[in-house]
Amino acid sequence: MEIEHSVLDRYSEGADERQPDLCCPVDYDASLLKLLPQEIIDKDYGCGDPSRYVKEGDVVLDLGAGSGKICYMAAQLVGDKGQVIGIDMNDDMLALARKYQPEMAEKLGGERVKFVKGLIQDLAVDLNEVDSQLQQYPINDAESLIRHQAWQQTQSSKQPLIKDDSVDLVVSNCVLNLVEDSDKTKMIDEIFRVVKPGGRVAISDIVSDEFVPKHMKEDSSLWSGCISGALQEQEMLDAFVKAGFVAVAYDKWEADPWQLVEGIEFRSVTITATKPKNAPCLDVGHAVIYRGPYSEVYDDEGHVYPRGQRIATCARSFELMTEGVYGDDFIGITPKVLKEPTSWCAPAGTLRPASETKGGIHIASSECCSEVDCC
């Protein structure tokens, strides 16, 4: 709780007056900043630009939205059919972000952004509802505490702040490191819960090259300054794989550390990942060829791809491997005539005979889905 209070206090100060120590130099898209009020730009604190991963029509969730800068940048990219949700637990930051909503809605030609009060480690809890409940039924003894906990559990289950499978893209800008270590696994599990099958994440954050020692973690100033709460660089990737994401990667990794504290390098990175689609493994004759240059690679689901070999895949895996995230590394081959779909997941390294894919062509994932129900 001490850590949470230090974070709240630090960012409340940041909403009132700019705190230059809370941010790294970032090369944002200047064209997206033109519409933004200067106060939002000045009082934004981050270490990357996850807005560059936003696509038209996306429903975007920004974790720890702060002043709303990334939200208002993303709103220009999602178009009139998209939506941006900013979540933050800090009332002062929420007030700052909401202050410019009418102005930004007019500039954007519609209300595409909303801000909600919540915890990024528990995206089901609506803190506005919690505030109202506590005003009506304050906690003043053990019985009232138990009643409140039961109410909150019911509220989160029946009316979650962010629903399951509802978001195309989750972004955040230097906030995962602010969550207590005991809640980090739950936080990433929550991200997985709310992302749609096939949806993505783009997380800009600070990682450390070594594990942070206990005495640094207990320093509330280092923690609220986005330093001692950082995950170690391999630990960060592993946490997203463990949650169920695939294609987990460091898309950006700053060579120069942002801070050097007690010999530990803290640097800005952007991690990207995809949530697999909920689809059965149906074999219709697809194959993929890993282009190289490595002798072989394997994915987060345990499939092995030797260089130059036609590896048999189910339709779901074929779609994933030929999407943009993998598309430059693999040649996808769909047979000239699709086989009758059968439930089958090829054992790792299973080859597809050339005779079965002869005359086939490389196709995009959208074309794949038009021919067989693989989504």
Protein backbone atom coordinates (compact mmCIF):
# COMPACT_ATOMS: atom_id res chain seq x y z
CA MET A 1 0.00 0.00 0.00
CA GLU A 2 2.89 2.36 0.68
CA ILE A 3 4.03 1.93 -2.91
CA GLU A 4 0.54 2.68 -4.27
CA HIS A 5 0.33 5.82 -2.14
CA SER A 6 3.73 7.00 -3.36
CA VAL A 7 2.63 6.47 -6.98
CA LEU A 8 -0.64 8.31 -6.41
CA ASP A 9 1.14 11.23 -4.73
CA ARG A 10 3.88 11.43 -7.38
CA TYR A 11 1.42 11.52 -10.27
CA SER A 12 -0.94 13.91 -8.53
CA GLU A 13 2.04 16.24 -8.33
CA GLY A 14 2.65 15.52 -12.02
CA ALA A 15 -0.91 16.57 -12.86
CA ASP A 16 -0.38 19.85 -11.04
CA GLU A 17 3.13 20.66 -12.26
CA ARG A 18 5.36 19.03 -14.86
CA GLN A 19 7.78 16.41 -13.46
CA PRO A 20 10.61 15.98 -16.01
CA ASP A 21 12.19 13.10 -14.05
CA LEU A 22 9.19 10.90 -14.84
CA CYS A 23 9.73 10.55 -18.57
CA CYS A 24 12.26 9.46 -21.18
CA PRO A 25 12.90 11.33 -24.44
CA VAL A 26 10.44 9.94 -27.01
CA ASP A 27 10.11 10.72 -30.70
CA TYR A 28 6.32 11.03 -31.03
CA ASP A 29 4.55 11.52 -34.34
CA ALA A 30 4.43 15.31 -34.57
CA SER A 31 1.38 15.24 -36.84
CA LEU A 32 -0.66 13.59 -34.08
CA LEU A 33 0.45 16.14 -31.49
CA LYS A 34 -0.84 19.16 -33.43
CA LEU A 35 -4.42 18.75 -32.19
CA LEU A 36 -3.46 18.26 -28.56
CA PRO A 37 -3.60 21.02 -25.92
CA GLN A 38 -0.12 21.89 -24.70
CA GLU A 39 -0.96 21.05 -21.08
CA ILE A 40 -1.69 17.44 -22.04
CA ILE A 41 1.65 17.19 -23.82
CA ASP A 42 3.58 18.85 -21.00
CA LYS A 43 2.09 16.69 -18.25
CA ASP A 44 2.36 13.36 -20.00
CA TYR A 45 4.93 10.91 -18.63
CA GLY A 46 6.10 7.96 -20.68
CA CYS A 47 8.98 6.09 -22.25
CA GLY A 48 7.64 5.10 -25.68
CA ASP A 49 4.95 5.63 -28.27
CA PRO A 50 2.48 2.72 -28.38
CA SER A 51 0.09 4.81 -30.50
CA ARG A 52 2.10 3.78 -33.59
CA TYR A 53 0.52 0.29 -33.33
CA VAL A 54 -3.09 1.54 -33.55
CA LYS A 55 -5.16 0.55 -36.60
CA GLU A 56 -8.28 2.10 -38.06
CA GLY A 57 -11.43 0.76 -36.42
CA ASP A 58 -9.63 -0.50 -33.31
CA VAL A 59 -11.10 -0.49 -29.83
CA VAL A 60 -8.05 0.63 -27.85
CA LEU A 61 -7.51 0.41 -24.10
CA ASP A 62 -4.76 2.61 -22.65
CA LEU A 63 -3.55 1.41 -19.24
CA GLY A 64 -2.58 4.25 -16.94
CA ALA A 65 -3.80 6.91 -19.36
CA GLY A 66 -2.52 9.83 -17.29
CA SER A 67 -3.06 13.15 -19.05
CA GLY A 68 -4.72 11.37 -22.00
CA LYS A 69 -1.99 12.09 -24.52
CA ILE A 70 -1.75 8.58 -26.00
CA CYS A 71 -5.57 8.30 -25.95
CA TYR A 72 -6.03 11.47 -27.96
CA MET A 73 -3.28 10.43 -30.38
CA ALA A 74 -4.88 7.01 -30.84
CA ALA A 75 -8.30 8.61 -31.37
CA GLN A 76 -6.97 10.23 -34.53
CA LEU A 77 -5.94 6.82 -35.86
CA VAL A 78 -8.97 4.66 -35.00
CA GLY A 79 -11.31 6.78 -37.11
CA ASP A 80 -15.00 7.34 -36.53
CA LYS A 81 -15.66 3.59 -36.19
CA GLY A 82 -13.08 3.07 -33.46
CA GLN A 83 -13.02 3.85 -29.76
CA VAL A 84 -10.37 4.65 -27.17
CA ILE A 85 -10.72 3.92 -23.46
CA GLY A 86 -8.28 5.42 -20.99
CA ILE A 87 -8.09 3.90 -17.51
CA ASP A 88 -6.35 5.45 -14.51
CA MET A 89 -6.69 5.29 -10.73
CA ASN A 90 -5.56 8.88 -10.11
CA ASP A 91 -8.39 11.43 -9.79
CA ASP A 92 -6.10 14.36 -10.58
CA MET A 93 -4.85 12.80 -13.80
CA LEU A 94 -8.39 11.81 -14.80
CA ALA A 95 -9.54 15.38 -14.21
CA LEU A 96 -6.74 16.67 -16.42
CA ALA A 97 -7.56 14.21 -19.23
CA ARG A 98 -11.30 14.89 -19.06
CA LYS A 99 -10.78 18.64 -18.97
CA TYR A 100 -10.14 18.66 -22.71
CA GLN A 101 -12.70 16.06 -23.82
CA PRO A 102 -15.21 18.54 -25.28
CA GLU A 103 -12.45 20.41 -27.13
CA MET A 104 -10.95 17.20 -28.52
CA ALA A 105 -14.36 15.78 -29.49
CA GLU A 106 -14.98 18.89 -31.56
CA LYS A 107 -11.57 18.63 -33.23
CA LEU A 108 -12.03 14.91 -33.94
CA GLY A 109 -15.58 15.30 -35.22
CA GLY A 110 -17.07 13.07 -32.53
CA GLU A 111 -16.61 11.59 -29.08
CA ARG A 112 -14.16 8.72 -29.54
CA VAL A 113 -12.44 8.81 -26.14
CA LYS A 114 -13.70 8.02 -22.67
CA PHE A 115 -11.83 7.87 -19.38
CA VAL A 116 -12.69 5.46 -16.57
CA LYS A 117 -11.39 5.09 -13.04
CA GLY A 118 -9.85 1.72 -12.33
CA LEU A 119 -6.81 -0.35 -11.47
CA ILE A 120 -4.73 -1.80 -14.27
CA GLN A 121 -4.12 -4.93 -12.17
CA ASP A 122 -7.88 -5.52 -11.87
CA LEU A 123 -9.69 -4.21 -14.92
CA ALA A 124 -13.03 -5.52 -13.69
CA VAL A 125 -13.26 -3.13 -10.72
CA ASP A 126 -15.03 0.16 -11.42
CA LEU A 127 -13.52 2.53 -8.86
CA ASN A 128 -16.25 5.13 -9.42
CA GLU A 129 -18.79 2.53 -8.30
CA VAL A 130 -16.53 1.67 -5.38
CA ASP A 131 -16.39 5.35 -4.37
CA SER A 132 -20.19 5.60 -4.50
CA GLN A 133 -20.64 2.39 -2.53
CA LEU A 134 -18.24 3.53 0.19
CA GLN A 135 -20.00 6.87 0.52
CA GLN A 136 -23.29 5.10 1.07
CA TYR A 137 -21.93 2.18 3.09
CA PRO A 138 -18.63 3.19 4.75
CA ILE A 139 -16.34 0.53 6.18
CA ASN A 140 -16.12 0.97 9.94
CA ASP A 141 -15.88 -2.59 11.24
CA ALA A 142 -15.11 -6.15 10.15
CA GLU A 143 -18.71 -6.87 9.17
CA SER A 144 -18.94 -3.85 6.86
CA LEU A 145 -15.57 -4.83 5.33
CA ILE A 146 -16.86 -8.34 4.55
CA ARG A 147 -20.05 -6.90 3.05
CA HIS A 148 -18.07 -4.52 0.88
CA GLN A 149 -15.79 -7.29 -0.36
CA ALA A 150 -18.82 -9.42 -1.27
CA TRP A 151 -20.42 -6.48 -3.09
CA GLN A 152 -17.23 -5.76 -5.00
CA GLN A 153 -16.86 -9.39 -6.06
CA THR A 154 -20.43 -9.42 -7.37
CA GLN A 155 -20.04 -6.04 -9.06
CA SER A 156 -16.83 -7.09 -10.81
CA SER A 157 -18.32 -10.39 -11.94
CA LYS A 158 -21.66 -9.09 -13.23
CA GLN A 159 -20.63 -5.63 -14.44
CA PRO A 160 -16.88 -5.61 -15.11
CA LEU A 161 -15.41 -2.23 -15.95
CA ILE A 162 -13.69 -3.73 -19.00
CA LYS A 163 -15.47 -6.79 -20.41
CA ASP A 164 -13.88 -10.05 -21.51
CA ASP A 165 -12.64 -10.20 -25.13
CA SER A 166 -13.68 -6.59 -25.82
CA VAL A 167 -10.48 -4.80 -26.87
CA ASP A 168 -8.56 -4.96 -30.16
CA LEU A 169 -5.39 -3.37 -28.80
CA VAL A 170 -4.12 -2.78 -25.28
CA VAL A 171 -1.44 -0.10 -24.99
CA SER A 172 0.39 1.41 -22.05
CA ASN A 173 3.19 3.88 -21.63
CA CYS A 174 5.51 3.28 -18.68
CA VAL A 175 2.98 2.14 -16.08
CA LEU A 176 3.37 -1.64 -15.68
CA ASN A 177 6.47 -1.04 -13.58
CA LEU A 178 4.40 1.01 -11.11
CA VAL A 179 2.29 -1.99 -10.08
CA GLU A 180 3.44 -3.95 -7.03
CA ASP A 181 5.31 -7.16 -7.83
CA SER A 182 2.65 -9.27 -6.11
CA ASP A 183 0.06 -7.94 -8.59
CA LYS A 184 2.06 -8.06 -11.82
CA THR A 185 0.98 -11.58 -12.82
CA LYS A 186 -2.67 -10.71 -12.21
CA MET A 187 -2.22 -7.52 -14.23
CA ILE A 188 -0.94 -9.37 -17.30
CA ASP A 189 -3.65 -12.02 -16.90
CA GLU A 190 -6.19 -9.19 -16.89
CA ILE A 191 -4.72 -7.80 -20.11
CA PHE A 192 -5.13 -11.25 -21.67
CA ARG A 193 -8.74 -11.45 -20.42
CA VAL A 194 -9.91 -8.22 -22.03
CA VAL A 195 -8.13 -8.58 -25.39
CA LYS A 196 -10.21 -10.10 -28.17
CA PRO A 197 -9.02 -13.40 -29.65
CA GLY A 198 -6.66 -12.27 -32.38
CA GLY A 199 -6.15 -8.95 -30.61
CA ARG A 200 -2.80 -7.35 -29.79
CA VAL A 201 -0.83 -5.57 -27.12
CA ALA A 202 1.81 -2.86 -27.47
CA ILE A 203 3.41 -2.08 -24.14
CA SER A 204 6.08 0.60 -23.76
CA ASP A 205 7.80 0.23 -20.42
CA ILE A 206 11.09 0.22 -18.51
CA VAL A 207 12.99 -3.05 -18.03
CA SER A 208 16.20 -3.81 -16.17
CA ASP A 209 19.15 -5.84 -17.41
CA GLU A 210 19.52 -7.45 -13.97
CA PHE A 211 17.01 -8.30 -11.26
CA VAL A 212 16.40 -5.35 -8.95
CA PRO A 213 17.53 -6.00 -5.34
CA LYS A 214 15.11 -5.81 -2.43
CA HIS A 215 16.52 -2.62 -0.91
CA MET A 216 15.91 -0.74 -4.17
CA LYS A 217 12.37 -2.10 -4.43
CA GLU A 218 11.66 -0.77 -0.95
CA ASP A 219 12.67 2.74 -2.01
CA SER A 220 9.33 4.42 -2.76
CA SER A 221 11.03 7.27 -4.62
CA LEU A 222 12.78 4.87 -7.00
CA TRP A 223 9.54 2.93 -7.44
CA SER A 224 7.32 5.91 -8.21
CA GLY A 225 10.05 7.15 -10.52
CA CYS A 226 9.52 4.12 -12.82
CA ILE A 227 12.81 2.48 -11.84
CA SER A 228 12.81 -0.15 -9.09
CA GLY A 229 9.48 -1.74 -10.11
CA ALA A 230 10.84 -2.66 -13.54
CA LEU A 231 10.71 -6.26 -14.66
CA GLN A 232 13.98 -7.85 -15.76
CA GLU A 233 14.19 -7.95 -19.57
CA GLN A 234 13.71 -11.73 -19.97
CA GLU A 235 11.17 -11.79 -17.16
CA MET A 236 9.01 -9.29 -19.05
CA LEU A 237 8.78 -11.49 -22.16
CA ASP A 238 8.23 -14.67 -20.16
CA ALA A 239 5.35 -13.10 -18.24
CA PHE A 240 3.38 -12.46 -21.44
CA VAL A 241 4.09 -15.94 -22.81
CA LYS A 242 2.95 -17.48 -19.52
CA ALA A 243 -0.30 -15.51 -19.70
CA GLY A 244 -1.08 -17.15 -23.05
CA PHE A 245 0.11 -14.60 -25.59
CA VAL A 246 2.02 -15.64 -28.72
CA ALA A 247 4.40 -13.80 -31.04
CA VAL A 248 5.80 -12.05 -27.96
CA ALA A 249 8.67 -9.79 -28.98
CA TYR A 250 10.68 -6.70 -28.22
CA ASP A 251 9.71 -4.52 -31.15
CA LYS A 252 11.81 -1.67 -29.75
CA TRP A 253 14.77 -1.91 -27.37
CA GLU A 254 16.75 1.22 -26.62
CA ALA A 255 20.49 0.59 -26.84
CA ASP A 256 21.29 3.39 -24.41
CA PRO A 257 19.88 2.93 -20.89
CA TRP A 258 17.61 5.65 -19.55
CA GLN A 259 19.01 5.33 -16.04
CA LEU A 260 21.97 3.55 -14.45
CA VAL A 261 21.36 2.87 -10.75
CA GLU A 262 23.80 0.82 -8.66
CA GLY A 263 25.23 -0.66 -11.83
CA ILE A 264 21.83 -1.82 -13.15
CA GLU A 265 20.73 -0.55 -16.56
CA PHE A 266 17.11 0.59 -16.89
CA ARG A 267 16.01 1.09 -20.48
CA SER A 268 12.89 1.78 -22.51
CA VAL A 269 11.39 -1.05 -24.56
CA THR A 270 8.19 -1.75 -26.45
CA ILE A 271 6.82 -5.27 -26.28
CA THR A 272 4.25 -6.57 -28.76
CA ALA A 273 2.18 -9.75 -28.59
CA THR A 274 -0.96 -11.39 -29.95
CA LYS A 275 -3.78 -13.32 -28.26
CA PRO A 276 -4.46 -16.56 -30.15
CA LYS A 277 -7.88 -16.99 -31.72
CA ASN A 278 -10.36 -19.37 -30.17
CA ALA A 279 -10.55 -21.75 -33.12
CA PRO A 280 -10.19 -25.50 -33.50
CA CYS A 281 -7.16 -26.95 -35.24
CA LEU A 282 -8.56 -27.86 -38.67
CA ASP A 283 -6.33 -29.34 -41.34
CA VAL A 284 -7.21 -28.38 -44.91
CA GLY A 285 -3.75 -28.83 -46.41
CA HIS A 286 -1.84 -25.65 -45.56
CA ALA A 287 1.94 -25.43 -45.26
CA VAL A 288 4.44 -22.74 -44.30
CA ILE A 289 8.12 -22.42 -45.17
CA TYR A 290 10.48 -20.61 -42.85
CA ARG A 291 12.67 -18.39 -45.03
CA GLY A 292 15.77 -18.32 -42.77
CA PRO A 293 18.42 -17.14 -42.04
CA TYR A 294 18.44 -19.38 -38.93
CA SER A 295 18.58 -23.14 -39.33
CA GLU A 296 15.25 -23.47 -37.52
CA VAL A 297 12.90 -21.56 -35.25
CA TYR A 298 10.00 -22.51 -33.01
CA ASP A 299 6.97 -20.55 -31.86
CA ASP A 300 5.31 -20.03 -28.48
CA GLU A 301 3.01 -23.01 -29.06
CA GLY A 302 5.90 -25.43 -29.59
CA HIS A 303 5.78 -25.75 -33.38
CA VAL A 304 9.18 -26.19 -35.06
CA TYR A 305 10.05 -24.66 -38.44
CA PRO A 306 13.30 -25.84 -40.05
CA ARG A 307 14.60 -23.50 -42.72
CA GLY A 308 13.26 -24.25 -46.21
CA GLN A 309 10.95 -27.11 -45.18
CA ARG A 310 7.25 -27.27 -46.03
CA ILE A 311 5.80 -27.66 -42.55
CA ALA A 312 2.20 -28.81 -42.19
CA THR A 313 -0.07 -26.45 -40.26
CA CYS A 314 -3.69 -26.31 -39.29
CA ALA A 315 -5.71 -23.43 -40.70
CA ARG A 316 -5.54 -21.47 -37.44
CA SER A 317 -1.74 -21.66 -37.23
CA PHE A 318 -1.46 -20.88 -40.94
CA GLU A 319 -3.40 -17.66 -40.45
CA LEU A 320 -1.24 -16.61 -37.52
CA MET A 321 2.03 -17.41 -39.30
CA THR A 322 1.08 -15.46 -42.42
CA GLU A 323 -0.22 -12.37 -40.63
CA GLY A 324 1.92 -9.26 -40.43
CA VAL A 325 3.62 -10.24 -37.20
CA TYR A 326 5.21 -13.29 -38.85
CA GLY A 327 4.57 -12.58 -42.52
CA ASP A 328 8.09 -11.43 -43.40
CA ASP A 329 9.61 -14.63 -42.01
CA PHE A 330 7.34 -17.25 -43.55
CA ILE A 331 6.02 -18.25 -46.96
CA GLY A 332 2.46 -19.49 -46.64
CA ILE A 333 1.16 -22.02 -49.14
CA THR A 334 -2.48 -22.91 -49.53
CA PRO A 335 -3.25 -25.95 -51.70
CA LYS A 336 -4.87 -25.51 -55.07
CA VAL A 337 -7.80 -27.54 -53.78
CA LEU A 338 -8.54 -27.43 -50.05
CA LYS A 339 -9.00 -30.76 -48.31
CA GLU A 340 -12.13 -31.55 -46.33
CA PRO A 341 -11.49 -30.01 -42.89
CA THR A 342 -10.42 -32.50 -40.25
CA SER A 343 -9.58 -31.91 -36.61
CA TRP A 344 -5.82 -32.22 -36.41
CA CYS A 345 -2.85 -30.41 -34.92
CA ALA A 346 0.36 -31.48 -36.61
CA PRO A 347 3.10 -32.81 -34.31
CA ALA A 348 6.12 -30.50 -34.24
CA GLY A 349 8.14 -30.71 -37.45
CA THR A 350 5.52 -32.57 -39.53
CA LEU A 351 6.29 -32.10 -43.22
CA ARG A 352 3.69 -31.44 -45.91
CA PRO A 353 4.62 -33.36 -49.09
CA ALA A 354 5.16 -31.08 -52.08
CA SER A 355 2.65 -33.19 -53.99
CA GLU A 356 -0.11 -32.01 -51.65
CA THR A 357 0.61 -28.30 -52.13
CA LYS A 358 1.70 -28.36 -55.78
CA GLY A 359 0.07 -25.53 -57.67
CA GLY A 360 -0.76 -23.75 -54.42
CA ILE A 361 -0.17 -20.06 -53.85
CA HIS A 362 0.88 -17.75 -51.07
CA ILE A 363 -2.16 -15.96 -49.76
CA ALA A 364 -2.98 -13.40 -47.08
CA SER A 365 -4.76 -14.41 -43.90
CA SER A 366 -7.98 -12.65 -44.91
CA GLU A 367 -8.14 -14.78 -48.06
CA CYS A 368 -7.51 -17.87 -45.96
CA CYS A 369 -10.52 -17.12 -43.82
CA SER A 370 -12.75 -16.63 -46.85
CA GLU A 371 -12.05 -20.18 -47.98
CA VAL A 372 -12.33 -22.09 -44.71
CA ASP A 373 -13.72 -21.35 -41.29
CA CYS A 374 -10.35 -20.99 -39.56
CA CYS A 375 -11.03 -17.89 -37.52
